[in-house]
C-alpha atoms as a PDB file:
ATOM      1  CA  MET A   1       0.000   0.000   0.000  1.00  0.00           C
ATOM      2  CA  GLY A   2       1.244   3.592  -0.684  1.00  0.00           C
ATOM      3  CA  LEU A   3       2.113   6.128   1.966  1.00  0.00           C
ATOM      4  CA  GLY A   4      -0.492   8.714   0.794  1.00  0.00           C
ATOM      5  CA  ASN A   5      -3.446   6.458   1.698  1.00  0.00           C
ATOM      6  CA  ALA A   6      -2.276   5.424   5.231  1.00  0.00           C
ATOM      7  CA  PRO A   7      -4.633   6.544   8.110  1.00  0.00           C
ATOM      8  CA  PRO A   8      -3.300   8.933  10.760  1.00  0.00           C
ATOM      9  CA  ALA A   9      -1.844   7.390  13.813  1.00  0.00           C
ATOM     10  CA  ALA A  10      -3.545   7.441  17.194  1.00  0.00           C
ATOM     11  CA  GLY A  11      -0.926   9.761  18.712  1.00  0.00           C
ATOM     12  CA  GLU A  12      -1.373  12.400  16.087  1.00  0.00           C
ATOM     13  CA  LEU A  13      -5.142  12.511  16.646  1.00  0.00           C
ATOM     14  CA  SER A  14      -4.768  12.918  20.373  1.00  0.00           C
ATOM     15  CA  SER A  15      -2.247  15.737  19.999  1.00  0.00           C
ATOM     16  CA  ALA A  16      -4.534  17.599  17.558  1.00  0.00           C
ATOM     17  CA  ARG A  17      -7.509  17.382  19.897  1.00  0.00           C
ATOM     18  CA  PHE A  18      -5.424  18.602  22.775  1.00  0.00           C
ATOM     19  CA  ALA A  19      -4.271  21.624  20.791  1.00  0.00           C
ATOM     20  CA  SER A  20      -7.852  22.565  19.827  1.00  0.00           C
ATOM     21  CA  ARG A  21      -8.950  22.358  23.455  1.00  0.00           C
ATOM     22  CA  ARG A  22      -6.156  24.654  24.509  1.00  0.00           C
ATOM     23  CA  VAL A  23      -7.299  27.235  21.944  1.00  0.00           C
ATOM     24  CA  LEU A  24     -10.904  27.053  23.135  1.00  0.00           C
ATOM     25  CA  LEU A  25      -9.865  27.316  26.796  1.00  0.00           C
ATOM     26  CA  SER A  26      -7.647  30.330  26.132  1.00  0.00           C
ATOM     27  CA  CYS A  27     -10.471  32.151  24.122  1.00  0.00           C
ATOM     28  CA  PRO A  28     -13.779  31.422  25.836  1.00  0.00           C
ATOM     29  CA  GLN A  29     -15.588  34.057  23.628  1.00  0.00           C
ATOM     30  CA  ALA A  30     -14.570  32.201  20.532  1.00  0.00           C
ATOM     31  CA  ALA A  31     -16.010  28.996  22.001  1.00  0.00           C
ATOM     32  CA  ARG A  32     -19.404  30.585  22.584  1.00  0.00           C
ATOM     33  CA  ARG A  33     -19.560  32.535  19.237  1.00  0.00           C
ATOM     34  CA  PRO A  34     -21.874  30.764  16.824  1.00  0.00           C
ATOM     35  CA  PRO A  35     -20.584  30.040  13.395  1.00  0.00           C
ATOM     36  CA  PRO A  36     -21.566  32.543  10.688  1.00  0.00           C
ATOM     37  CA  PRO A  37     -24.569  31.444   8.664  1.00  0.00           C
ATOM     38  CA  ARG A  38     -24.078  30.325   5.185  1.00  0.00           C
ATOM     39  CA  ALA A  39     -25.563  32.187   2.341  1.00  0.00           C
ATOM     40  CA  GLY A  40     -28.698  30.542   1.009  1.00  0.00           C
ATOM     41  CA  HIS A  41     -32.308  31.103   0.049  1.00  0.00           C
ATOM     42  CA  ASN A  42     -33.563  31.117   3.663  1.00  0.00           C
ATOM     43  CA  THR A  43     -30.940  33.563   4.954  1.00  0.00           C
ATOM     44  CA  PRO A  44     -32.491  37.012   5.744  1.00  0.00           C
ATOM     45  CA  CYS A  45     -30.951  39.939   3.898  1.00  0.00           C
ATOM     46  CA  ARG A  46     -29.028  42.332   6.104  1.00  0.00           C
ATOM     47  CA  ALA A  47     -29.813  45.971   5.612  1.00  0.00           C
ATOM     48  CA  ARG A  48     -26.965  47.894   4.123  1.00  0.00           C
ATOM     49  CA  PRO A  49     -25.677  50.576   6.489  1.00  0.00           C
ATOM     50  CA  PRO A  50     -26.132  54.118   5.257  1.00  0.00           C
ATOM     51  CA  ALA A  51     -23.268  55.677   3.457  1.00  0.00           C
ATOM     52  CA  PRO A  52     -21.094  57.930   5.596  1.00  0.00           C
ATOM     53  CA  GLY A  53     -21.740  61.647   5.279  1.00  0.00           C
ATOM     54  CA  ARG A  54     -25.359  61.331   3.992  1.00  0.00           C
ATOM     55  CA  PRO A  55     -28.148  61.789   6.578  1.00  0.00           C
ATOM     56  CA  SER A  56     -30.739  59.093   6.959  1.00  0.00           C
ATOM     57  CA  GLY A  57     -34.493  59.614   6.563  1.00  0.00           C
ATOM     58  CA  ALA A  58     -35.068  59.891  10.328  1.00  0.00           C
ATOM     59  CA  SER A  59     -32.346  62.502  10.851  1.00  0.00           C
ATOM     60  CA  ARG A  60     -32.991  64.471   7.669  1.00  0.00           C
ATOM     61  CA  ARG A  61     -33.620  68.148   8.436  1.00  0.00           C
ATOM     62  CA  SER A  62     -36.452  69.931   6.699  1.00  0.00           C
ATOM     63  CA  MET A  63     -35.326  72.850   4.530  1.00  0.00           C
ATOM     64  CA  PRO A  64     -36.818  76.265   5.441  1.00  0.00           C
ATOM     65  CA  ILE A  65     -39.504  77.512   3.085  1.00  0.00           C
ATOM     66  CA  ARG A  66     -38.897  80.997   1.814  1.00  0.00           C
ATOM     67  CA  GLU A  67     -41.947  83.162   2.238  1.00  0.00           C
ATOM     68  CA  PRO A  68     -42.865  85.540  -0.572  1.00  0.00           C
ATOM     69  CA  PRO A  69     -42.131  89.201   0.132  1.00  0.00           C
ATOM     70  CA  GLN A  70     -44.875  91.200   1.755  1.00  0.00           C
ATOM     71  CA  THR A  71     -45.817  94.623   0.425  1.00  0.00           C
ATOM     72  CA  ARG A  72     -48.170  97.209   1.795  1.00  0.00           C
ATOM     73  CA  GLY A  73     -50.864  98.661  -0.359  1.00  0.00           C
ATOM     74  CA  CYS A  74     -52.055 102.252  -0.433  1.00  0.00           C
ATOM     75  CA  ARG A  75     -54.148 101.703   2.733  1.00  0.00           C
ATOM     76  CA  GLY A  76     -51.596  99.782   4.799  1.00  0.00           C
ATOM     77  CA  HIS A  77     -52.881  96.222   4.071  1.00  0.00           C
ATOM     78  CA  GLN A  78     -50.262  93.550   3.487  1.00  0.00           C
ATOM     79  CA  GLN A  79     -50.126  92.117  -0.003  1.00  0.00           C
ATOM     80  CA  THR A  80     -48.216  89.146  -1.321  1.00  0.00           C
ATOM     81  CA  ARG A  81     -46.417  89.332  -4.610  1.00  0.00           C
ATOM     82  CA  PRO A  82     -44.060  86.936  -6.355  1.00  0.00           C
ATOM     83  CA  PRO A  83     -40.338  87.539  -6.018  1.00  0.00           C
ATOM     84  CA  GLY A  84     -39.963  87.773  -9.778  1.00  0.00           C
ATOM     85  CA  PRO A  85     -40.251  90.968 -11.836  1.00  0.00           C
ATOM     86  CA  GLY A  86     -43.589  92.410 -12.715  1.00  0.00           C
ATOM     87  CA  PRO A  87     -46.294  94.566 -11.138  1.00  0.00           C
ATOM     88  CA  PRO A  88     -47.854  93.471  -7.831  1.00  0.00           C
ATOM     89  CA  THR A  89     -50.830  91.160  -8.092  1.00  0.00           C
ATOM     90  CA  GLY A  90     -52.654  92.581  -5.056  1.00  0.00           C
ATOM     91  CA  ALA A  91     -56.024  94.231  -5.351  1.00  0.00           C
ATOM     92  CA  HIS A  92     -54.609  97.600  -4.223  1.00  0.00           C
ATOM     93  CA  ALA A  93     -51.453  98.053  -6.277  1.00  0.00           C
ATOM     94  CA  ALA A  94     -49.174 100.898  -5.250  1.00  0.00           C
ATOM     95  CA  ARG A  95     -49.360 103.767  -7.750  1.00  0.00           C
ATOM     96  CA  PRO A  96     -46.908 106.613  -8.163  1.00  0.00           C
ATOM     97  CA  ARG A  97     -48.144 109.709  -6.468  1.00  0.00           C
ATOM     98  CA  LYS A  98     -48.243 112.885  -8.204  1.00  0.00           C
ATOM     99  CA  ILE A  99     -46.175 115.274  -6.235  1.00  0.00           C
ATOM    100  CA  VAL A 100     -48.101 118.264  -5.789  1.00  0.00           C
ATOM    101  CA  PHE A 101     -46.503 121.359  -4.313  1.00  0.00           C
ATOM    102  CA  GLU A 102     -48.543 123.654  -1.920  1.00  0.00           C
ATOM    103  CA  ASP A 103     -48.658 126.696  -4.045  1.00  0.00           C
ATOM    104  CA  GLU A 104     -50.305 124.683  -6.843  1.00  0.00           C
ATOM    105  CA  LEU A 105     -53.310 123.740  -4.805  1.00  0.00           C
ATOM    106  CA  PRO A 106     -56.408 126.081  -4.464  1.00  0.00           C
ATOM    107  CA  SER A 107     -56.744 127.691  -1.089  1.00  0.00           C
ATOM    108  CA  ARG A 108     -58.998 125.592   1.117  1.00  0.00           C
ATOM    109  CA  PRO A 109     -60.358 126.463   4.551  1.00  0.00           C
ATOM    110  CA  LEU A 110     -58.919 124.478   7.429  1.00  0.00           C
ATOM    111  CA  LEU A 111     -60.948 121.604   8.780  1.00  0.00           C
ATOM    112  CA  GLY A 112     -63.067 122.731  11.669  1.00  0.00           C
ATOM    113  CA  ALA A 113     -62.538 126.411  10.900  1.00  0.00           C
ATOM    114  CA  LYS A 114     -65.707 128.431  10.722  1.00  0.00           C
ATOM    115  CA  LYS A 115     -66.272 130.974   8.000  1.00  0.00           C
ATOM    116  CA  PRO A 116     -66.363 134.560   9.257  1.00  0.00           C
ATOM    117  CA  VAL A 117     -69.835 135.969   9.415  1.00  0.00           C
ATOM    118  CA  VAL A 118     -70.062 139.235   7.480  1.00  0.00           C
ATOM    119  CA  SER A 119     -72.652 141.570   8.871  1.00  0.00           C
ATOM    120  CA  ILE A 120     -74.519 143.510   6.173  1.00  0.00           C
ATOM    121  CA  PRO A 121     -76.185 146.750   7.298  1.00  0.00           C
ATOM    122  CA  GLY A 122     -79.928 146.877   7.013  1.00  0.00           C
ATOM    123  CA  GLY A 123     -81.177 147.977   3.600  1.00  0.00           C
ATOM    124  CA  HIS A 124     -77.893 147.099   1.822  1.00  0.00           C
ATOM    125  CA  MET A 125     -77.359 144.122  -0.477  1.00  0.00           C
ATOM    126  CA  LEU A 126     -74.153 142.804  -2.014  1.00  0.00           C
ATOM    127  CA  THR A 127     -74.430 143.327  -5.777  1.00  0.00           C
ATOM    128  CA  PRO A 128     -71.827 142.607  -8.489  1.00  0.00           C
ATOM    129  CA  HIS A 129     -69.913 145.508  -9.960  1.00  0.00           C
ATOM    130  CA  PRO A 130     -72.107 146.886 -12.760  1.00  0.00           C
ATOM    131  CA  VAL A 131     -70.766 147.507 -16.240  1.00  0.00           C
ATOM    132  CA  PRO A 132     -70.549 151.250 -16.962  1.00  0.00           C
ATOM    133  CA  ASP A 133     -73.281 152.495 -19.248  1.00  0.00           C
ATOM    134  CA  TYR A 134     -70.864 154.181 -21.655  1.00  0.00           C
ATOM    135  CA  GLU A 135     -69.248 150.814 -22.509  1.00  0.00           C
ATOM    136  CA  LEU A 136     -72.661 149.512 -23.633  1.00  0.00           C
ATOM    137  CA  LYS A 137     -73.732 152.764 -25.310  1.00  0.00           C
ATOM    138  CA  TYR A 138     -70.477 153.367 -27.190  1.00  0.00           C
ATOM    139  CA  PRO A 139     -69.180 150.090 -28.686  1.00  0.00           C
ATOM    140  CA  ALA A 140     -66.449 149.865 -31.316  1.00  0.00           C
ATOM    141  CA  VAL A 141     -66.661 152.467 -34.090  1.00  0.00           C
ATOM    142  CA  SER A 142     -67.777 150.945 -37.401  1.00  0.00           C
ATOM    143  CA  SER A 143     -68.136 153.981 -39.727  1.00  0.00           C
ATOM    144  CA  GLU A 144     -67.005 157.564 -40.264  1.00  0.00           C
ATOM    145  CA  ARG A 145     -70.418 158.858 -39.241  1.00  0.00           C
ATOM    146  CA  GLU A 146     -70.238 157.002 -35.938  1.00  0.00           C
ATOM    147  CA  ARG A 147     -66.747 158.330 -35.396  1.00  0.00           C
ATOM    148  CA  SER A 148     -67.986 161.902 -35.832  1.00  0.00           C
ATOM    149  CA  ARG A 149     -70.736 161.319 -33.271  1.00  0.00           C
ATOM    150  CA  TYR A 150     -68.230 159.920 -30.744  1.00  0.00           C
ATOM    151  CA  ALA A 151     -65.952 162.902 -31.297  1.00  0.00           C
ATOM    152  CA  ALA A 152     -68.818 165.368 -30.730  1.00  0.00           C
ATOM    153  CA  VAL A 153     -69.754 163.712 -27.434  1.00  0.00           C
ATOM    154  CA  PHE A 154     -66.110 163.787 -26.389  1.00  0.00           C
ATOM    155  CA  GLN A 155     -65.718 167.511 -27.087  1.00  0.00           C
ATOM    156  CA  ASP A 156     -68.987 168.367 -25.322  1.00  0.00           C
ATOM    157  CA  GLN A 157     -68.267 166.504 -22.083  1.00  0.00           C
ATOM    158  CA  TYR A 158     -64.588 167.324 -22.050  1.00  0.00           C
ATOM    159  CA  ALA A 159     -65.431 170.947 -21.213  1.00  0.00           C
ATOM    160  CA  GLU A 160     -67.676 169.832 -18.332  1.00  0.00           C
ATOM    161  CA  PHE A 161     -64.903 167.576 -17.071  1.00  0.00           C
ATOM    162  CA  LEU A 162     -62.353 170.389 -17.040  1.00  0.00           C
ATOM    163  CA  GLU A 163     -64.699 172.636 -15.042  1.00  0.00           C
ATOM    164  CA  LEU A 164     -65.496 169.932 -12.463  1.00  0.00           C
ATOM    165  CA  GLN A 165     -61.861 168.895 -12.187  1.00  0.00           C
ATOM    166  CA  GLN A 166     -60.811 172.450 -11.367  1.00  0.00           C
ATOM    167  CA  GLU A 167     -63.549 172.898  -8.753  1.00  0.00           C
ATOM    168  CA  VAL A 168     -63.011 169.536  -7.073  1.00  0.00           C
ATOM    169  CA  GLY A 169     -59.241 169.963  -7.146  1.00  0.00           C
ATOM    170  CA  SER A 170     -59.438 173.344  -5.429  1.00  0.00           C
ATOM    171  CA  ALA A 171     -61.714 172.000  -2.679  1.00  0.00           C
ATOM    172  CA  GLN A 172     -59.455 168.996  -2.093  1.00  0.00           C
ATOM    173  CA  ALA A 173     -56.392 171.221  -1.800  1.00  0.00           C
ATOM    174  CA  LYS A 174     -58.096 173.382   0.869  1.00  0.00           C
ATOM    175  CA  LEU A 175     -59.183 170.312   2.823  1.00  0.00           C
ATOM    176  CA  GLN A 176     -55.650 168.898   2.754  1.00  0.00           C
ATOM    177  CA  GLN A 177     -54.181 172.168   4.042  1.00  0.00           C
ATOM    178  CA  LEU A 178     -56.734 172.321   6.846  1.00  0.00           C
ATOM    179  CA  GLU A 179     -56.044 168.723   7.838  1.00  0.00           C
ATOM    180  CA  ALA A 180     -52.294 169.334   7.941  1.00  0.00           C
ATOM    181  CA  LEU A 181     -52.842 172.422  10.120  1.00  0.00           C
ATOM    182  CA  LEU A 182     -55.073 170.586  12.577  1.00  0.00           C
ATOM    183  CA  THR A 183     -52.625 167.706  12.809  1.00  0.00           C
ATOM    184  CA  SER A 184     -49.680 170.010  13.596  1.00  0.00           C
ATOM    185  CA  LEU A 185     -51.462 171.781  16.476  1.00  0.00           C
ATOM    186  CA  PRO A 186     -50.036 171.062  19.962  1.00  0.00           C
ATOM    187  CA  PRO A 187     -52.219 169.194  22.398  1.00  0.00           C
ATOM    188  CA  PRO A 188     -54.755 171.429  24.157  1.00  0.00           C
ATOM    189  CA  ARG A 189     -53.650 172.834  27.508  1.00  0.00           C
ATOM    190  CA  SER A 190     -57.114 173.653  28.794  1.00  0.00           C
ATOM    191  CA  GLN A 191     -60.641 172.464  28.438  1.00  0.00           C
ATOM    192  CA  LYS A 192     -61.557 175.476  26.302  1.00  0.00           C
ATOM    193  CA  GLU A 193     -58.825 174.729  23.775  1.00  0.00           C
ATOM    194  CA  ALA A 194     -59.937 171.106  23.653  1.00  0.00           C
ATOM    195  CA  GLN A 195     -63.492 172.159  22.862  1.00  0.00           C
ATOM    196  CA  VAL A 196     -62.306 174.486  20.077  1.00  0.00           C
ATOM    197  CA  ALA A 197     -60.166 171.751  18.525  1.00  0.00           C
ATOM    198  CA  THR A 198     -63.060 169.310  18.647  1.00  0.00           C
ATOM    199  CA  ARG A 199     -65.371 171.821  16.925  1.00  0.00           C
ATOM    200  CA  VAL A 200     -62.844 172.514  14.149  1.00  0.00           C
ATOM    201  CA  TRP A 201     -62.353 168.791  13.478  1.00  0.00           C
ATOM    202  CA  ARG A 202     -66.106 168.356  13.297  1.00  0.00           C
ATOM    203  CA  GLU A 203     -66.414 171.125  10.696  1.00  0.00           C
ATOM    204  CA  PHE A 204     -63.593 169.612   8.710  1.00  0.00           C
ATOM    205  CA  GLU A 205     -65.264 166.202   8.569  1.00  0.00           C
ATOM    206  CA  LYS A 206     -68.560 167.862   7.615  1.00  0.00           C
ATOM    207  CA  LYS A 207     -67.016 169.623   4.620  1.00  0.00           C
ATOM    208  CA  ARG A 208     -65.164 166.530   3.503  1.00  0.00           C
ATOM    209  CA  MET A 209     -68.340 164.423   3.639  1.00  0.00           C
ATOM    210  CA  ASP A 210     -70.592 167.091   2.104  1.00  0.00           C
ATOM    211  CA  PRO A 211     -73.058 165.369  -0.323  1.00  0.00           C
ATOM    212  CA  SER A 212     -72.635 168.015  -3.038  1.00  0.00           C
ATOM    213  CA  PHE A 213     -68.858 167.707  -2.871  1.00  0.00           C
ATOM    214  CA  LEU A 214     -69.056 163.900  -3.035  1.00  0.00           C
ATOM    215  CA  ASP A 215     -71.388 164.105  -6.052  1.00  0.00           C
ATOM    216  CA  LYS A 216     -68.964 166.383  -7.873  1.00  0.00           C
ATOM    217  CA  GLN A 217     -66.129 163.971  -7.116  1.00  0.00           C
ATOM    218  CA  ALA A 218     -68.119 161.008  -8.457  1.00  0.00           C
ATOM    219  CA  ARG A 219     -69.178 162.942 -11.575  1.00  0.00           C
ATOM    220  CA  CYS A 220     -65.596 163.954 -12.256  1.00  0.00           C
ATOM    221  CA  ARG A 221     -64.374 160.351 -12.022  1.00  0.00           C
ATOM    222  CA  TYR A 222     -67.210 159.152 -14.263  1.00  0.00           C
ATOM    223  CA  LEU A 223     -66.496 161.740 -16.973  1.00  0.00           C
ATOM    224  CA  LYS A 224     -62.798 160.950 -16.886  1.00  0.00           C
ATOM    225  CA  SER A 225     -63.447 157.218 -17.480  1.00  0.00           C
ATOM    226  CA  LYS A 226     -66.055 157.939 -20.182  1.00  0.00           C
ATOM    227  CA  LEU A 227     -63.806 160.318 -22.095  1.00  0.00           C
ATOM    228  CA  ARG A 228     -60.969 157.818 -21.922  1.00  0.00           C
ATOM    229  CA  HIS A 229     -63.265 155.121 -23.373  1.00  0.00           C
ATOM    230  CA  LEU A 230     -64.433 157.385 -26.231  1.00  0.00           C
ATOM    231  CA  LYS A 231     -60.861 158.356 -27.056  1.00  0.00           C
ATOM    232  CA  ALA A 232     -59.782 154.686 -27.150  1.00  0.00           C
ATOM    233  CA  GLN A 233     -62.637 153.711 -29.488  1.00  0.00           C
ATOM    234  CA  ILE A 234     -61.847 156.575 -31.875  1.00  0.00           C
ATOM    235  CA  GLN A 235     -58.137 155.697 -31.814  1.00  0.00           C
ATOM    236  CA  LYS A 236     -58.831 152.039 -32.647  1.00  0.00           C
ATOM    237  CA  PHE A 237     -60.945 153.051 -35.652  1.00  0.00           C
ATOM    238  CA  ASP A 238     -58.266 155.441 -36.918  1.00  0.00           C
ATOM    239  CA  ASP A 239     -55.546 152.788 -36.569  1.00  0.00           C
ATOM    240  CA  GLN A 240     -57.673 150.284 -38.483  1.00  0.00           C
ATOM    241  CA  GLU A 241     -58.330 152.778 -41.292  1.00  0.00           C
ATOM    242  CA  ASP A 242     -54.640 153.619 -41.545  1.00  0.00           C
ATOM    243  CA  SER A 243     -53.631 149.948 -41.792  1.00  0.00           C
ATOM    244  CA  GLU A 244     -56.234 149.246 -44.492  1.00  0.00           C
ATOM    245  CA  GLY A 245     -55.315 152.320 -46.550  1.00  0.00           C
ATOM    246  CA  SER A 246     -51.562 151.728 -46.403  1.00  0.00           C
ATOM    247  CA  VAL A 247     -49.711 150.235 -49.395  1.00  0.00           C
ATOM    248  CA  TYR A 248     -46.679 148.059 -48.659  1.00  0.00           C
ATOM    249  CA  PHE A 249     -43.952 147.534 -51.287  1.00  0.00           C
END
């Protein structure tokens, strides 16, 4: 028989068993550790550990949600609009205000301020300023005949105006001299002087407010305005005739 097929001797078996016991006695944990299972169809699949550096589903942190910007409308209400370009989608979109300076606005009474009460004397009514009668009676000159009539009225009333102007001017000059004299007087030193000064001032006011004198003043002002109107109408007609009769080369 060959040497390769000879069975091991009894001494070799006993020495091998003794060596294995020594290993088990020296490592008791290895003796109690069960052998690893073999891979097969009935072996449960072990879950693969998560890769290092990547958080698991349980420890995954939720990302913060960015809220859309808030805007305030024209009345202070918050409105939401998208972060992208474009006009706001709110119901009250902010509009550019027209800057208006203070001097451009009409004068308005203050809130709560009461309008002043104007007392009108009995028998007097506020009436609009009437149009003078000469403006209605003497419109623009349209013919030579009408111009002659305007010129005749002007010459007739111009003489009356000169007479009234001289009379009214003389009376006004005397009243001004008397007023200056009364103003320059020293204060009265006795009761008699005070009475005299009071009487002189009373006479002065009476002459200045004399109805006939006031009528002459009003008539003088009226004639002056009427003559000025007639002169302007005649001058306009003459200028128009000169421009139409001129020949330009």
